[in-house]
Amino acid sequence: MCDHIRTEMIGLHLKKCLLCNHEMLVCLDRHRSTECSEYVEFRISMSPSGVSYPRCDKHFELAYQRYLETEAKYGMSSSVAPAWFDESDAGERWNDDY
């Protein structure tokens, strides 16, 4: 059984084991100060883009916590503008469809 110790990057988020040629996803946040958990899979983004990114369980949880903190602070997904939003600042409405 291969332990996938000797690997090389073959793409932006993909690495390959040099011993058994097994391909593995690489966590998007692998360069952050915390170490990745073992399992990496494509996870949907919390942004409205709906783009999926490869993240380990640990970094997905951290990203989700950042999303919850941002949502609590700014209310970005609400259709009602927060009290601090002023349409006259930039000539935009809170619920504009671009």
Protein backbone atom coordinates (compact mmCIF):
# COMPACT_ATOMS: atom_id res chain seq x y z
CA MET A 1 0.00 0.00 0.00
CA CYS A 2 1.35 3.43 -0.96
CA ASP A 3 1.56 6.17 1.66
CA HIS A 4 1.78 8.96 -1.00
CA ILE A 5 4.82 10.60 0.62
CA ARG A 6 6.62 11.37 -2.64
CA THR A 7 4.33 13.65 -4.61
CA GLU A 8 4.58 16.39 -7.19
CA MET A 9 2.15 19.14 -8.15
CA ILE A 10 0.62 18.56 -11.60
CA GLY A 11 -1.87 21.40 -11.51
CA LEU A 12 -3.06 24.28 -9.41
CA HIS A 13 -5.01 22.04 -7.02
CA LEU A 14 -3.84 18.58 -8.01
CA LYS A 15 -0.82 16.50 -7.02
CA LYS A 16 0.30 13.04 -8.10
CA CYS A 17 2.10 10.34 -6.15
CA LEU A 18 5.41 9.52 -7.84
CA LEU A 19 5.27 5.91 -6.65
CA CYS A 20 1.74 4.81 -7.60
CA ASN A 21 0.51 7.66 -9.90
CA HIS A 22 -2.51 8.27 -7.65
CA GLU A 23 -3.88 11.81 -8.16
CA MET A 24 -5.04 13.81 -5.13
CA LEU A 25 -6.75 17.16 -4.66
CA VAL A 26 -4.80 19.81 -2.77
CA CYS A 27 -6.49 22.18 -0.31
CA LEU A 28 -6.88 25.76 -1.55
CA ASP A 29 -5.86 27.07 1.89
CA ARG A 30 -2.83 24.78 2.35
CA HIS A 31 -0.52 27.81 2.66
CA ARG A 32 -2.31 29.23 5.71
CA SER A 33 -0.67 28.94 9.10
CA THR A 34 -2.80 25.97 10.20
CA GLU A 35 -2.20 22.49 8.84
CA CYS A 36 -4.74 20.75 6.65
CA SER A 37 -6.84 17.83 7.74
CA GLU A 38 -6.40 14.72 5.63
CA TYR A 39 -9.54 14.65 3.44
CA VAL A 40 -9.83 17.21 0.59
CA GLU A 41 -12.84 17.55 -1.69
CA PHE A 42 -14.54 20.21 -3.80
CA ARG A 43 -16.74 22.36 -1.57
CA ILE A 44 -19.23 24.96 -2.70
CA SER A 45 -18.28 28.55 -2.06
CA MET A 46 -20.32 30.56 0.42
CA SER A 47 -20.39 33.46 -2.06
CA PRO A 48 -23.22 33.81 -4.59
CA SER A 49 -20.83 32.70 -7.37
CA GLY A 50 -21.50 29.04 -6.58
CA VAL A 51 -17.94 28.11 -7.60
CA SER A 52 -16.51 25.02 -5.91
CA TYR A 53 -13.03 24.99 -4.39
CA PRO A 54 -10.95 22.09 -3.05
CA ARG A 55 -10.69 22.42 0.72
CA CYS A 56 -9.94 20.07 3.57
CA ASP A 57 -12.48 19.63 6.37
CA LYS A 58 -10.55 21.94 8.69
CA HIS A 59 -10.17 24.83 6.23
CA PHE A 60 -13.75 24.51 5.01
CA GLU A 61 -14.93 24.91 8.60
CA LEU A 62 -12.68 27.98 9.04
CA ALA A 63 -14.00 29.47 5.78
CA TYR A 64 -17.56 28.84 6.94
CA GLN A 65 -16.87 30.57 10.27
CA ARG A 66 -15.41 33.59 8.39
CA TYR A 67 -18.55 33.66 6.23
CA LEU A 68 -20.82 33.61 9.30
CA GLU A 69 -18.81 36.43 10.93
CA THR A 70 -18.97 38.53 7.74
CA GLU A 71 -22.68 37.86 7.35
CA ALA A 72 -23.37 38.85 10.96
CA LYS A 73 -21.34 42.04 10.57
CA TYR A 74 -22.45 43.19 7.11
CA GLY A 75 -25.64 41.24 6.30
CA MET A 76 -24.54 40.76 2.69
CA SER A 77 -27.21 38.19 1.75
CA SER A 78 -30.12 40.15 3.20
CA SER A 79 -32.52 41.94 0.83
CA VAL A 80 -32.91 44.67 3.48
CA ALA A 81 -30.09 47.20 3.69
CA PRO A 82 -28.33 47.47 7.05
CA ALA A 83 -28.53 50.73 9.00
CA TRP A 84 -24.99 51.76 8.01
CA PHE A 85 -25.71 51.55 4.24
CA ASP A 86 -26.31 54.95 2.58
CA GLU A 87 -27.43 54.95 -1.07
CA SER A 88 -26.10 58.46 -1.59
CA ASP A 89 -22.49 57.40 -0.86
CA ALA A 90 -21.91 55.65 -4.19
CA GLY A 91 -25.21 56.06 -6.01
CA GLU A 92 -26.06 52.40 -5.58
CA ARG A 93 -29.05 50.60 -4.14
CA TRP A 94 -28.63 47.70 -1.73
CA ASN A 95 -30.51 45.16 -3.82
CA ASP A 96 -29.24 46.13 -7.30
CA ASP A 97 -29.23 43.44 -9.98
CA TYR A 98 -26.19 43.87 -12.17
